[in-house]
Amino acid sequence: AITAALYLEAFVDEGISWSHFDIMAWNNR
């Protein structure tokens, strides 16, 4: 999950406040 986020961060320009949510989007119970 960290390496995926770091990959995405490489495409966000410096100085921009960026947050990335890695979600399930599904209730298993």
mmCIF file of all heavy atoms, coordinates in Angstrom:
data_MODEL
# 
_entry.id   MODEL 
# 
loop_
_atom_site.group_PDB 
_atom_site.id 
_atom_site.type_symbol 
_atom_site.label_atom_id 
_atom_site.label_alt_id 
_atom_site.label_comp_id 
_atom_site.label_asym_id 
_atom_site.label_entity_id 
_atom_site.label_seq_id 
_atom_site.pdbx_PDB_ins_code 
_atom_site.Cartn_x 
_atom_site.Cartn_y 
_atom_site.Cartn_z 
_atom_site.occupancy 
_atom_site.B_iso_or_equiv 
_atom_site.pdbx_formal_charge 
_atom_site.auth_seq_id 
_atom_site.auth_comp_id 
_atom_site.auth_asym_id 
_atom_site.auth_atom_id 
_atom_site.pdbx_PDB_model_num 
ATOM 1   N N   . ALA A 1 1  ? 0.833   -1.205  0.000   1.00 0.00 ? 1  ALA A N   1 
ATOM 2   C CA  . ALA A 1 1  ? 0.000   0.000   0.000   1.00 0.00 ? 1  ALA A CA  1 
ATOM 3   C C   . ALA A 1 1  ? 0.867   1.254   0.000   1.00 0.00 ? 1  ALA A C   1 
ATOM 4   O O   . ALA A 1 1  ? 0.512   2.273   -0.612  1.00 0.00 ? 1  ALA A O   1 
ATOM 5   C CB  . ALA A 1 1  ? -0.930  -0.004  1.208   1.00 0.00 ? 1  ALA A CB  1 
ATOM 6   N N   . ILE A 1 2  ? 2.019   1.175   0.675   1.00 0.00 ? 2  ILE A N   1 
ATOM 7   C CA  . ILE A 1 2  ? 2.919   2.329   0.734   1.00 0.00 ? 2  ILE A CA  1 
ATOM 8   C C   . ILE A 1 2  ? 3.572   2.571   -0.616  1.00 0.00 ? 2  ILE A C   1 
ATOM 9   O O   . ILE A 1 2  ? 3.629   3.710   -1.101  1.00 0.00 ? 2  ILE A O   1 
ATOM 10  C CB  . ILE A 1 2  ? 3.987   2.125   1.825   1.00 0.00 ? 2  ILE A CB  1 
ATOM 11  C CG1 . ILE A 1 2  ? 3.329   1.965   3.196   1.00 0.00 ? 2  ILE A CG1 1 
ATOM 12  C CG2 . ILE A 1 2  ? 4.974   3.291   1.832   1.00 0.00 ? 2  ILE A CG2 1 
ATOM 13  C CD1 . ILE A 1 2  ? 4.302   1.617   4.313   1.00 0.00 ? 2  ILE A CD1 1 
ATOM 14  N N   . THR A 1 3  ? 4.070   1.520   -1.255  1.00 0.00 ? 3  THR A N   1 
ATOM 15  C CA  . THR A 1 3  ? 4.715   1.710   -2.553  1.00 0.00 ? 3  THR A CA  1 
ATOM 16  C C   . THR A 1 3  ? 3.713   2.201   -3.594  1.00 0.00 ? 3  THR A C   1 
ATOM 17  O O   . THR A 1 3  ? 4.053   3.005   -4.468  1.00 0.00 ? 3  THR A O   1 
ATOM 18  C CB  . THR A 1 3  ? 5.398   0.422   -3.031  1.00 0.00 ? 3  THR A CB  1 
ATOM 19  O OG1 . THR A 1 3  ? 4.462   -0.666  -3.015  1.00 0.00 ? 3  THR A OG1 1 
ATOM 20  C CG2 . THR A 1 3  ? 6.586   0.075   -2.144  1.00 0.00 ? 3  THR A CG2 1 
ATOM 21  N N   . ALA A 1 4  ? 2.458   1.745   -3.503  1.00 0.00 ? 4  ALA A N   1 
ATOM 22  C CA  . ALA A 1 4  ? 1.438   2.241   -4.427  1.00 0.00 ? 4  ALA A CA  1 
ATOM 23  C C   . ALA A 1 4  ? 1.199   3.733   -4.207  1.00 0.00 ? 4  ALA A C   1 
ATOM 24  O O   . ALA A 1 4  ? 1.071   4.506   -5.163  1.00 0.00 ? 4  ALA A O   1 
ATOM 25  C CB  . ALA A 1 4  ? 0.138   1.466   -4.240  1.00 0.00 ? 4  ALA A CB  1 
ATOM 26  N N   . ALA A 1 5  ? 1.135   4.159   -2.945  1.00 0.00 ? 5  ALA A N   1 
ATOM 27  C CA  . ALA A 1 5  ? 0.928   5.570   -2.646  1.00 0.00 ? 5  ALA A CA  1 
ATOM 28  C C   . ALA A 1 5  ? 2.118   6.410   -3.105  1.00 0.00 ? 5  ALA A C   1 
ATOM 29  O O   . ALA A 1 5  ? 1.947   7.520   -3.641  1.00 0.00 ? 5  ALA A O   1 
ATOM 30  C CB  . ALA A 1 5  ? 0.693   5.762   -1.151  1.00 0.00 ? 5  ALA A CB  1 
ATOM 31  N N   . LEU A 1 6  ? 3.326   5.897   -2.903  1.00 0.00 ? 6  LEU A N   1 
ATOM 32  C CA  . LEU A 1 6  ? 4.514   6.623   -3.348  1.00 0.00 ? 6  LEU A CA  1 
ATOM 33  C C   . LEU A 1 6  ? 4.558   6.748   -4.865  1.00 0.00 ? 6  LEU A C   1 
ATOM 34  O O   . LEU A 1 6  ? 5.003   7.765   -5.408  1.00 0.00 ? 6  LEU A O   1 
ATOM 35  C CB  . LEU A 1 6  ? 5.769   5.933   -2.821  1.00 0.00 ? 6  LEU A CB  1 
ATOM 36  C CG  . LEU A 1 6  ? 5.984   6.024   -1.311  1.00 0.00 ? 6  LEU A CG  1 
ATOM 37  C CD1 . LEU A 1 6  ? 7.075   5.067   -0.862  1.00 0.00 ? 6  LEU A CD1 1 
ATOM 38  C CD2 . LEU A 1 6  ? 6.334   7.459   -0.904  1.00 0.00 ? 6  LEU A CD2 1 
ATOM 39  N N   . TYR A 1 7  ? 4.095   5.709   -5.553  1.00 0.00 ? 7  TYR A N   1 
ATOM 40  C CA  . TYR A 1 7  ? 3.989   5.782   -7.008  1.00 0.00 ? 7  TYR A CA  1 
ATOM 41  C C   . TYR A 1 7  ? 3.058   6.934   -7.391  1.00 0.00 ? 7  TYR A C   1 
ATOM 42  O O   . TYR A 1 7  ? 3.384   7.764   -8.247  1.00 0.00 ? 7  TYR A O   1 
ATOM 43  C CB  . TYR A 1 7  ? 3.464   4.461   -7.559  1.00 0.00 ? 7  TYR A CB  1 
ATOM 44  C CG  . TYR A 1 7  ? 3.106   4.494   -9.028  1.00 0.00 ? 7  TYR A CG  1 
ATOM 45  C CD1 . TYR A 1 7  ? 4.013   4.079   -9.985  1.00 0.00 ? 7  TYR A CD1 1 
ATOM 46  C CD2 . TYR A 1 7  ? 1.857   4.954   -9.457  1.00 0.00 ? 7  TYR A CD2 1 
ATOM 47  C CE1 . TYR A 1 7  ? 3.692   4.117   -11.341 1.00 0.00 ? 7  TYR A CE1 1 
ATOM 48  C CE2 . TYR A 1 7  ? 1.528   5.008   -10.799 1.00 0.00 ? 7  TYR A CE2 1 
ATOM 49  C CZ  . TYR A 1 7  ? 2.443   4.588   -11.734 1.00 0.00 ? 7  TYR A CZ  1 
ATOM 50  O OH  . TYR A 1 7  ? 2.124   4.642   -13.069 1.00 0.00 ? 7  TYR A OH  1 
ATOM 51  N N   . LEU A 1 8  ? 1.884   7.015   -6.764  1.00 0.00 ? 8  LEU A N   1 
ATOM 52  C CA  . LEU A 1 8  ? 0.931   8.072   -7.099  1.00 0.00 ? 8  LEU A CA  1 
ATOM 53  C C   . LEU A 1 8  ? 1.491   9.457   -6.765  1.00 0.00 ? 8  LEU A C   1 
ATOM 54  O O   . LEU A 1 8  ? 1.282   10.417  -7.520  1.00 0.00 ? 8  LEU A O   1 
ATOM 55  C CB  . LEU A 1 8  ? -0.378  7.850   -6.336  1.00 0.00 ? 8  LEU A CB  1 
ATOM 56  C CG  . LEU A 1 8  ? -1.187  6.610   -6.716  1.00 0.00 ? 8  LEU A CG  1 
ATOM 57  C CD1 . LEU A 1 8  ? -2.447  6.525   -5.836  1.00 0.00 ? 8  LEU A CD1 1 
ATOM 58  C CD2 . LEU A 1 8  ? -1.578  6.620   -8.187  1.00 0.00 ? 8  LEU A CD2 1 
ATOM 59  N N   . GLU A 1 9  ? 2.200   9.543   -5.655  1.00 0.00 ? 9  GLU A N   1 
ATOM 60  C CA  . GLU A 1 9  ? 2.730   10.844  -5.244  1.00 0.00 ? 9  GLU A CA  1 
ATOM 61  C C   . GLU A 1 9  ? 3.679   11.426  -6.285  1.00 0.00 ? 9  GLU A C   1 
ATOM 62  O O   . GLU A 1 9  ? 3.782   12.652  -6.428  1.00 0.00 ? 9  GLU A O   1 
ATOM 63  C CB  . GLU A 1 9  ? 3.443   10.730  -3.893  1.00 0.00 ? 9  GLU A CB  1 
ATOM 64  C CG  . GLU A 1 9  ? 3.856   12.079  -3.323  1.00 0.00 ? 9  GLU A CG  1 
ATOM 65  C CD  . GLU A 1 9  ? 4.623   11.959  -2.018  1.00 0.00 ? 9  GLU A CD  1 
ATOM 66  O OE1 . GLU A 1 9  ? 5.302   10.935  -1.808  1.00 0.00 ? 9  GLU A OE1 1 
ATOM 67  O OE2 . GLU A 1 9  ? 4.540   12.899  -1.203  1.00 0.00 ? 9  GLU A OE2 1 
ATOM 68  N N   . ALA A 1 10 ? 4.342   10.551  -7.042  1.00 0.00 ? 10 ALA A N   1 
ATOM 69  C CA  . ALA A 1 10 ? 5.275   11.018  -8.073  1.00 0.00 ? 10 ALA A CA  1 
ATOM 70  C C   . ALA A 1 10 ? 4.572   11.830  -9.154  1.00 0.00 ? 10 ALA A C   1 
ATOM 71  O O   . ALA A 1 10 ? 5.224   12.566  -9.910  1.00 0.00 ? 10 ALA A O   1 
ATOM 72  C CB  . ALA A 1 10 ? 6.000   9.825   -8.694  1.00 0.00 ? 10 ALA A CB  1 
ATOM 73  N N   . PHE A 1 11 ? 3.250   11.725  -9.237  1.00 0.00 ? 11 PHE A N   1 
ATOM 74  C CA  . PHE A 1 11 ? 2.494   12.421  -10.283 1.00 0.00 ? 11 PHE A CA  1 
ATOM 75  C C   . PHE A 1 11 ? 1.747   13.644  -9.755  1.00 0.00 ? 11 PHE A C   1 
ATOM 76  O O   . PHE A 1 11 ? 1.001   14.282  -10.485 1.00 0.00 ? 11 PHE A O   1 
ATOM 77  C CB  . PHE A 1 11 ? 1.522   11.445  -10.942 1.00 0.00 ? 11 PHE A CB  1 
ATOM 78  C CG  . PHE A 1 11 ? 2.230   10.310  -11.639 1.00 0.00 ? 11 PHE A CG  1 
ATOM 79  C CD1 . PHE A 1 11 ? 2.572   9.163   -10.940 1.00 0.00 ? 11 PHE A CD1 1 
ATOM 80  C CD2 . PHE A 1 11 ? 2.588   10.424  -12.960 1.00 0.00 ? 11 PHE A CD2 1 
ATOM 81  C CE1 . PHE A 1 11 ? 3.255   8.130   -11.565 1.00 0.00 ? 11 PHE A CE1 1 
ATOM 82  C CE2 . PHE A 1 11 ? 3.269   9.397   -13.600 1.00 0.00 ? 11 PHE A CE2 1 
ATOM 83  C CZ  . PHE A 1 11 ? 3.608   8.259   -12.902 1.00 0.00 ? 11 PHE A CZ  1 
ATOM 84  N N   . VAL A 1 12 ? 1.962   13.962  -8.482  1.00 0.00 ? 12 VAL A N   1 
ATOM 85  C CA  . VAL A 1 12 ? 1.365   15.150  -7.867  1.00 0.00 ? 12 VAL A CA  1 
ATOM 86  C C   . VAL A 1 12 ? 2.445   16.213  -7.752  1.00 0.00 ? 12 VAL A C   1 
ATOM 87  O O   . VAL A 1 12 ? 3.518   15.965  -7.199  1.00 0.00 ? 12 VAL A O   1 
ATOM 88  C CB  . VAL A 1 12 ? 0.791   14.814  -6.474  1.00 0.00 ? 12 VAL A CB  1 
ATOM 89  C CG1 . VAL A 1 12 ? 0.240   16.074  -5.810  1.00 0.00 ? 12 VAL A CG1 1 
ATOM 90  C CG2 . VAL A 1 12 ? -0.292  13.746  -6.585  1.00 0.00 ? 12 VAL A CG2 1 
ATOM 91  N N   . ASP A 1 13 ? 2.177   17.392  -8.276  1.00 0.00 ? 13 ASP A N   1 
ATOM 92  C CA  . ASP A 1 13 ? 3.169   18.466  -8.235  1.00 0.00 ? 13 ASP A CA  1 
ATOM 93  C C   . ASP A 1 13 ? 3.483   18.876  -6.805  1.00 0.00 ? 13 ASP A C   1 
ATOM 94  O O   . ASP A 1 13 ? 2.602   18.849  -5.919  1.00 0.00 ? 13 ASP A O   1 
ATOM 95  C CB  . ASP A 1 13 ? 2.668   19.689  -9.004  1.00 0.00 ? 13 ASP A CB  1 
ATOM 96  C CG  . ASP A 1 13 ? 2.667   19.481  -10.511 1.00 0.00 ? 13 ASP A CG  1 
ATOM 97  O OD1 . ASP A 1 13 ? 3.177   18.433  -10.964 1.00 0.00 ? 13 ASP A OD1 1 
ATOM 98  O OD2 . ASP A 1 13 ? 2.158   20.368  -11.227 1.00 0.00 ? 13 ASP A OD2 1 
ATOM 99  N N   . GLU A 1 14 ? 4.724   19.263  -6.592  1.00 0.00 ? 14 GLU A N   1 
ATOM 100 C CA  . GLU A 1 14 ? 5.147   19.728  -5.271  1.00 0.00 ? 14 GLU A CA  1 
ATOM 101 C C   . GLU A 1 14 ? 4.336   20.959  -4.866  1.00 0.00 ? 14 GLU A C   1 
ATOM 102 O O   . GLU A 1 14 ? 3.969   21.784  -5.690  1.00 0.00 ? 14 GLU A O   1 
ATOM 103 C CB  . GLU A 1 14 ? 6.636   20.063  -5.276  1.00 0.00 ? 14 GLU A CB  1 
ATOM 104 C CG  . GLU A 1 14 ? 7.538   18.836  -5.372  1.00 0.00 ? 14 GLU A CG  1 
ATOM 105 C CD  . GLU A 1 14 ? 9.005   19.197  -5.185  1.00 0.00 ? 14 GLU A CD  1 
ATOM 106 O OE1 . GLU A 1 14 ? 9.271   20.321  -4.685  1.00 0.00 ? 14 GLU A OE1 1 
ATOM 107 O OE2 . GLU A 1 14 ? 9.869   18.376  -5.529  1.00 0.00 ? 14 GLU A OE2 1 
ATOM 108 N N   . GLY A 1 15 ? 4.064   21.046  -3.583  1.00 0.00 ? 15 GLY A N   1 
ATOM 109 C CA  . GLY A 1 15 ? 3.341   22.195  -3.054  1.00 0.00 ? 15 GLY A CA  1 
ATOM 110 C C   . GLY A 1 15 ? 1.838   22.017  -3.005  1.00 0.00 ? 15 GLY A C   1 
ATOM 111 O O   . GLY A 1 15 ? 1.134   22.876  -2.472  1.00 0.00 ? 15 GLY A O   1 
ATOM 112 N N   . ILE A 1 16 ? 1.326   20.904  -3.563  1.00 0.00 ? 16 ILE A N   1 
ATOM 113 C CA  . ILE A 1 16 ? -0.111  20.647  -3.536  1.00 0.00 ? 16 ILE A CA  1 
ATOM 114 C C   . ILE A 1 16 ? -0.436  19.741  -2.346  1.00 0.00 ? 16 ILE A C   1 
ATOM 115 O O   . ILE A 1 16 ? 0.209   18.704  -2.148  1.00 0.00 ? 16 ILE A O   1 
ATOM 116 C CB  . ILE A 1 16 ? -0.583  19.982  -4.848  1.00 0.00 ? 16 ILE A CB  1 
ATOM 117 C CG1 . ILE A 1 16 ? -0.432  20.961  -6.009  1.00 0.00 ? 16 ILE A CG1 1 
ATOM 118 C CG2 . ILE A 1 16 ? -2.031  19.506  -4.735  1.00 0.00 ? 16 ILE A CG2 1 
ATOM 119 C CD1 . ILE A 1 16 ? -0.783  20.380  -7.359  1.00 0.00 ? 16 ILE A CD1 1 
ATOM 120 N N   . SER A 1 17 ? -1.409  20.136  -1.561  1.00 0.00 ? 17 SER A N   1 
ATOM 121 C CA  . SER A 1 17 ? -1.864  19.314  -0.438  1.00 0.00 ? 17 SER A CA  1 
ATOM 122 C C   . SER A 1 17 ? -2.664  18.143  -0.996  1.00 0.00 ? 17 SER A C   1 
ATOM 123 O O   . SER A 1 17 ? -3.749  18.326  -1.550  1.00 0.00 ? 17 SER A O   1 
ATOM 124 C CB  . SER A 1 17 ? -2.728  20.149  0.512   1.00 0.00 ? 17 SER A CB  1 
ATOM 125 O OG  . SER A 1 17 ? -3.277  19.338  1.532   1.00 0.00 ? 17 SER A OG  1 
ATOM 126 N N   . TRP A 1 18 ? -2.126  16.937  -0.810  1.00 0.00 ? 18 TRP A N   1 
ATOM 127 C CA  . TRP A 1 18 ? -2.697  15.733  -1.440  1.00 0.00 ? 18 TRP A CA  1 
ATOM 128 C C   . TRP A 1 18 ? -2.912  14.645  -0.404  1.00 0.00 ? 18 TRP A C   1 
ATOM 129 O O   . TRP A 1 18 ? -2.063  14.394  0.455   1.00 0.00 ? 18 TRP A O   1 
ATOM 130 C CB  . TRP A 1 18 ? -1.757  15.230  -2.533  1.00 0.00 ? 18 TRP A CB  1 
ATOM 131 C CG  . TRP A 1 18 ? -2.043  13.846  -3.037  1.00 0.00 ? 18 TRP A CG  1 
ATOM 132 C CD1 . TRP A 1 18 ? -3.089  13.437  -3.802  1.00 0.00 ? 18 TRP A CD1 1 
ATOM 133 C CD2 . TRP A 1 18 ? -1.240  12.675  -2.808  1.00 0.00 ? 18 TRP A CD2 1 
ATOM 134 N NE1 . TRP A 1 18 ? -2.994  12.088  -4.079  1.00 0.00 ? 18 TRP A NE1 1 
ATOM 135 C CE2 . TRP A 1 18 ? -1.873  11.596  -3.477  1.00 0.00 ? 18 TRP A CE2 1 
ATOM 136 C CE3 . TRP A 1 18 ? -0.052  12.435  -2.116  1.00 0.00 ? 18 TRP A CE3 1 
ATOM 137 C CZ2 . TRP A 1 18 ? -1.353  10.296  -3.464  1.00 0.00 ? 18 TRP A CZ2 1 
ATOM 138 C CZ3 . TRP A 1 18 ? 0.468   11.149  -2.105  1.00 0.00 ? 18 TRP A CZ3 1 
ATOM 139 C CH2 . TRP A 1 18 ? -0.191  10.091  -2.766  1.00 0.00 ? 18 TRP A CH2 1 
ATOM 140 N N   . SER A 1 19 ? -4.076  14.012  -0.481  1.00 0.00 ? 19 SER A N   1 
ATOM 141 C CA  . SER A 1 19 ? -4.371  12.854  0.369   1.00 0.00 ? 19 SER A CA  1 
ATOM 142 C C   . SER A 1 19 ? -4.932  11.743  -0.512  1.00 0.00 ? 19 SER A C   1 
ATOM 143 O O   . SER A 1 19 ? -5.708  12.003  -1.435  1.00 0.00 ? 19 SER A O   1 
ATOM 144 C CB  . SER A 1 19 ? -5.374  13.212  1.464   1.00 0.00 ? 19 SER A CB  1 
ATOM 145 O OG  . SER A 1 19 ? -4.848  14.203  2.334   1.00 0.00 ? 19 SER A OG  1 
ATOM 146 N N   . HIS A 1 20 ? -4.554  10.518  -0.199  1.00 0.00 ? 20 HIS A N   1 
ATOM 147 C CA  . HIS A 1 20 ? -4.928  9.348   -1.001  1.00 0.00 ? 20 HIS A CA  1 
ATOM 148 C C   . HIS A 1 20 ? -5.574  8.304   -0.098  1.00 0.00 ? 20 HIS A C   1 
ATOM 149 O O   . HIS A 1 20 ? -4.960  7.847   0.878   1.00 0.00 ? 20 HIS A O   1 
ATOM 150 C CB  . HIS A 1 20 ? -3.676  8.778   -1.685  1.00 0.00 ? 20 HIS A CB  1 
ATOM 151 C CG  . HIS A 1 20 ? -3.771  7.336   -2.048  1.00 0.00 ? 20 HIS A CG  1 
ATOM 152 N ND1 . HIS A 1 20 ? -4.697  6.847   -2.942  1.00 0.00 ? 20 HIS A ND1 1 
ATOM 153 C CD2 . HIS A 1 20 ? -3.024  6.253   -1.641  1.00 0.00 ? 20 HIS A CD2 1 
ATOM 154 C CE1 . HIS A 1 20 ? -4.524  5.527   -3.068  1.00 0.00 ? 20 HIS A CE1 1 
ATOM 155 N NE2 . HIS A 1 20 ? -3.533  5.160   -2.285  1.00 0.00 ? 20 HIS A NE2 1 
ATOM 156 N N   . PHE A 1 21 ? -6.831  7.943   -0.413  1.00 0.00 ? 21 PHE A N   1 
ATOM 157 C CA  . PHE A 1 21 ? -7.569  6.955   0.366   1.00 0.00 ? 21 PHE A CA  1 
ATOM 158 C C   . PHE A 1 21 ? -7.579  5.617   -0.363  1.00 0.00 ? 21 PHE A C   1 
ATOM 159 O O   . PHE A 1 21 ? -8.003  5.530   -1.516  1.00 0.00 ? 21 PHE A O   1 
ATOM 160 C CB  . PHE A 1 21 ? -9.005  7.431   0.613   1.00 0.00 ? 21 PHE A CB  1 
ATOM 161 C CG  . PHE A 1 21 ? -9.116  8.477   1.677   1.00 0.00 ? 21 PHE A CG  1 
ATOM 162 C CD1 . PHE A 1 21 ? -8.796  9.794   1.392   1.00 0.00 ? 21 PHE A CD1 1 
ATOM 163 C CD2 . PHE A 1 21 ? -9.502  8.140   2.960   1.00 0.00 ? 21 PHE A CD2 1 
ATOM 164 C CE1 . PHE A 1 21 ? -8.879  10.771  2.370   1.00 0.00 ? 21 PHE A CE1 1 
ATOM 165 C CE2 . PHE A 1 21 ? -9.581  9.105   3.950   1.00 0.00 ? 21 PHE A CE2 1 
ATOM 166 C CZ  . PHE A 1 21 ? -9.275  10.425  3.654   1.00 0.00 ? 21 PHE A CZ  1 
ATOM 167 N N   . ASP A 1 22 ? -7.112  4.592   0.325   1.00 0.00 ? 22 ASP A N   1 
ATOM 168 C CA  . ASP A 1 22 ? -7.090  3.219   -0.199  1.00 0.00 ? 22 ASP A CA  1 
ATOM 169 C C   . ASP A 1 22 ? -8.191  2.459   0.536   1.00 0.00 ? 22 ASP A C   1 
ATOM 170 O O   . ASP A 1 22 ? -8.047  2.107   1.709   1.00 0.00 ? 22 ASP A O   1 
ATOM 171 C CB  . ASP A 1 22 ? -5.709  2.612   0.066   1.00 0.00 ? 22 ASP A CB  1 
ATOM 172 C CG  . ASP A 1 22 ? -5.492  1.283   -0.645  1.00 0.00 ? 22 ASP A CG  1 
ATOM 173 O OD1 . ASP A 1 22 ? -6.493  0.606   -0.969  1.00 0.00 ? 22 ASP A OD1 1 
ATOM 174 O OD2 . ASP A 1 22 ? -4.324  0.904   -0.861  1.00 0.00 ? 22 ASP A OD2 1 
ATOM 175 N N   . ILE A 1 23 ? -9.300  2.191   -0.142  1.00 0.00 ? 23 ILE A N   1 
ATOM 176 C CA  . ILE A 1 23 ? -10.535 1.751   0.514   1.00 0.00 ? 23 ILE A CA  1 
ATOM 177 C C   . ILE A 1 23 ? -10.987 0.383   0.015   1.00 0.00 ? 23 ILE A C   1 
ATOM 178 O O   . ILE A 1 23 ? -10.592 -0.071  -1.062  1.00 0.00 ? 23 ILE A O   1 
ATOM 179 C CB  . ILE A 1 23 ? -11.664 2.773   0.266   1.00 0.00 ? 23 ILE A CB  1 
ATOM 180 C CG1 . ILE A 1 23 ? -11.825 3.007   -1.240  1.00 0.00 ? 23 ILE A CG1 1 
ATOM 181 C CG2 . ILE A 1 23 ? -11.389 4.074   1.003   1.00 0.00 ? 23 ILE A CG2 1 
ATOM 182 C CD1 . ILE A 1 23 ? -13.035 3.788   -1.634  1.00 0.00 ? 23 ILE A CD1 1 
ATOM 183 N N   . MET A 1 24 ? -11.848 -0.250  0.778   1.00 0.00 ? 24 MET A N   1 
ATOM 184 C CA  . MET A 1 24 ? -12.442 -1.525  0.403   1.00 0.00 ? 24 MET A CA  1 
ATOM 185 C C   . MET A 1 24 ? -13.709 -1.327  -0.435  1.00 0.00 ? 24 MET A C   1 
ATOM 186 O O   . MET A 1 24 ? -13.968 -2.068  -1.370  1.00 0.00 ? 24 MET A O   1 
ATOM 187 C CB  . MET A 1 24 ? -12.787 -2.332  1.666   1.00 0.00 ? 24 MET A CB  1 
ATOM 188 C CG  . MET A 1 24 ? -13.452 -3.676  1.402   1.00 0.00 ? 24 MET A CG  1 
ATOM 189 S SD  . MET A 1 24 ? -12.349 -4.844  0.591   1.00 0.00 ? 24 MET A SD  1 
ATOM 190 C CE  . MET A 1 24 ? -13.377 -6.316  0.587   1.00 0.00 ? 24 MET A CE  1 
ATOM 191 N N   . ALA A 1 25 ? -14.539 -0.360  -0.049  1.00 0.00 ? 25 ALA A N   1 
ATOM 192 C CA  . ALA A 1 25 ? -15.807 -0.040  -0.733  1.00 0.00 ? 25 ALA A CA  1 
ATOM 193 C C   . ALA A 1 25 ? -16.831 -1.165  -0.636  1.00 0.00 ? 25 ALA A C   1 
ATOM 194 O O   . ALA A 1 25 ? -17.804 -1.177  -1.386  1.00 0.00 ? 25 ALA A O   1 
ATOM 195 C CB  . ALA A 1 25 ? -15.574 0.326   -2.204  1.00 0.00 ? 25 ALA A CB  1 
ATOM 196 N N   . TRP A 1 26 ? -16.649 -2.078  0.303   1.00 0.00 ? 26 TRP A N   1 
ATOM 197 C CA  . TRP A 1 26 ? -17.529 -3.247  0.384   1.00 0.00 ? 26 TRP A CA  1 
ATOM 198 C C   . TRP A 1 26 ? -17.596 -3.735  1.828   1.00 0.00 ? 26 TRP A C   1 
ATOM 199 O O   . TRP A 1 26 ? -16.572 -3.848  2.507   1.00 0.00 ? 26 TRP A O   1 
ATOM 200 C CB  . TRP A 1 26 ? -16.989 -4.361  -0.501  1.00 0.00 ? 26 TRP A CB  1 
ATOM 201 C CG  . TRP A 1 26 ? -17.916 -5.522  -0.694  1.00 0.00 ? 26 TRP A CG  1 
ATOM 202 C CD1 . TRP A 1 26 ? -17.956 -6.681  0.034   1.00 0.00 ? 26 TRP A CD1 1 
ATOM 203 C CD2 . TRP A 1 26 ? -18.933 -5.642  -1.691  1.00 0.00 ? 26 TRP A CD2 1 
ATOM 204 N NE1 . TRP A 1 26 ? -18.934 -7.508  -0.448  1.00 0.00 ? 26 TRP A NE1 1 
ATOM 205 C CE2 . TRP A 1 26 ? -19.550 -6.911  -1.519  1.00 0.00 ? 26 TRP A CE2 1 
ATOM 206 C CE3 . TRP A 1 26 ? -19.384 -4.817  -2.714  1.00 0.00 ? 26 TRP A CE3 1 
ATOM 207 C CZ2 . TRP A 1 26 ? -20.601 -7.349  -2.317  1.00 0.00 ? 26 TRP A CZ2 1 
ATOM 208 C CZ3 . TRP A 1 26 ? -20.417 -5.259  -3.525  1.00 0.00 ? 26 TRP A CZ3 1 
ATOM 209 C CH2 . TRP A 1 26 ? -21.019 -6.513  -3.323  1.00 0.00 ? 26 TRP A CH2 1 
ATOM 210 N N   . ASN A 1 27 ? -18.807 -4.022  2.296   1.00 0.00 ? 27 ASN A N   1 
ATOM 211 C CA  . ASN A 1 27 ? -19.002 -4.656  3.604   1.00 0.00 ? 27 ASN A CA  1 
ATOM 212 C C   . ASN A 1 27 ? -19.008 -6.169  3.430   1.00 0.00 ? 27 ASN A C   1 
ATOM 213 O O   . ASN A 1 27 ? -19.861 -6.711  2.728   1.00 0.00 ? 27 ASN A O   1 
ATOM 214 C CB  . ASN A 1 27 ? -20.339 -4.230  4.217   1.00 0.00 ? 27 ASN A CB  1 
ATOM 215 C CG  . ASN A 1 27 ? -20.325 -2.798  4.707   1.00 0.00 ? 27 ASN A CG  1 
ATOM 216 O OD1 . ASN A 1 27 ? -19.326 -2.334  5.253   1.00 0.00 ? 27 ASN A OD1 1 
ATOM 217 N ND2 . ASN A 1 27 ? -21.423 -2.087  4.509   1.00 0.00 ? 27 ASN A ND2 1 
ATOM 218 N N   . ASN A 1 28 ? -18.096 -6.830  4.093   1.00 0.00 ? 28 ASN A N   1 
ATOM 219 C CA  . ASN A 1 28 ? -18.061 -8.297  4.061   1.00 0.00 ? 28 ASN A CA  1 
ATOM 220 C C   . ASN A 1 28 ? -19.000 -8.926  5.085   1.00 0.00 ? 28 ASN A C   1 
ATOM 221 O O   . ASN A 1 28 ? -19.282 -10.124 5.013   1.00 0.00 ? 28 ASN A O   1 
ATOM 222 C CB  . ASN A 1 28 ? -16.642 -8.797  4.313   1.00 0.00 ? 28 ASN A CB  1 
ATOM 223 C CG  . ASN A 1 28 ? -15.778 -8.681  3.083   1.00 0.00 ? 28 ASN A CG  1 
ATOM 224 O OD1 . ASN A 1 28 ? -16.263 -8.743  1.953   1.00 0.00 ? 28 ASN A OD1 1 
ATOM 225 N ND2 . ASN A 1 28 ? -14.483 -8.493  3.284   1.00 0.00 ? 28 ASN A ND2 1 
ATOM 226 N N   . ARG A 1 29 ? -19.456 -8.131  6.042   1.00 0.00 ? 29 ARG A N   1 
ATOM 227 C CA  . ARG A 1 29 ? -20.390 -8.634  7.052   1.00 0.00 ? 29 ARG A CA  1 
ATOM 228 C C   . ARG A 1 29 ? -21.431 -7.560  7.316   1.00 0.00 ? 29 ARG A C   1 
ATOM 229 O O   . ARG A 1 29 ? -21.187 -6.366  7.114   1.00 0.00 ? 29 ARG A O   1 
ATOM 230 C CB  . ARG A 1 29 ? -19.669 -9.006  8.342   1.00 0.00 ? 29 ARG A CB  1 
ATOM 231 C CG  . ARG A 1 29 ? -18.957 -7.835  9.008   1.00 0.00 ? 29 ARG A CG  1 
ATOM 232 C CD  . ARG A 1 29 ? -18.422 -8.189  10.374  1.00 0.00 ? 29 ARG A CD  1 
ATOM 233 N NE  . ARG A 1 29 ? -17.694 -7.070  10.982  1.00 0.00 ? 29 ARG A NE  1 
ATOM 234 C CZ  . ARG A 1 29 ? -17.414 -6.979  12.277  1.00 0.00 ? 29 ARG A CZ  1 
ATOM 235 N NH1 . ARG A 1 29 ? -17.783 -7.947  13.100  1.00 0.00 ? 29 ARG A NH1 1 
ATOM 236 N NH2 . ARG A 1 29 ? -16.750 -5.938  12.755  1.00 0.00 ? 29 ARG A NH2 1 
# 
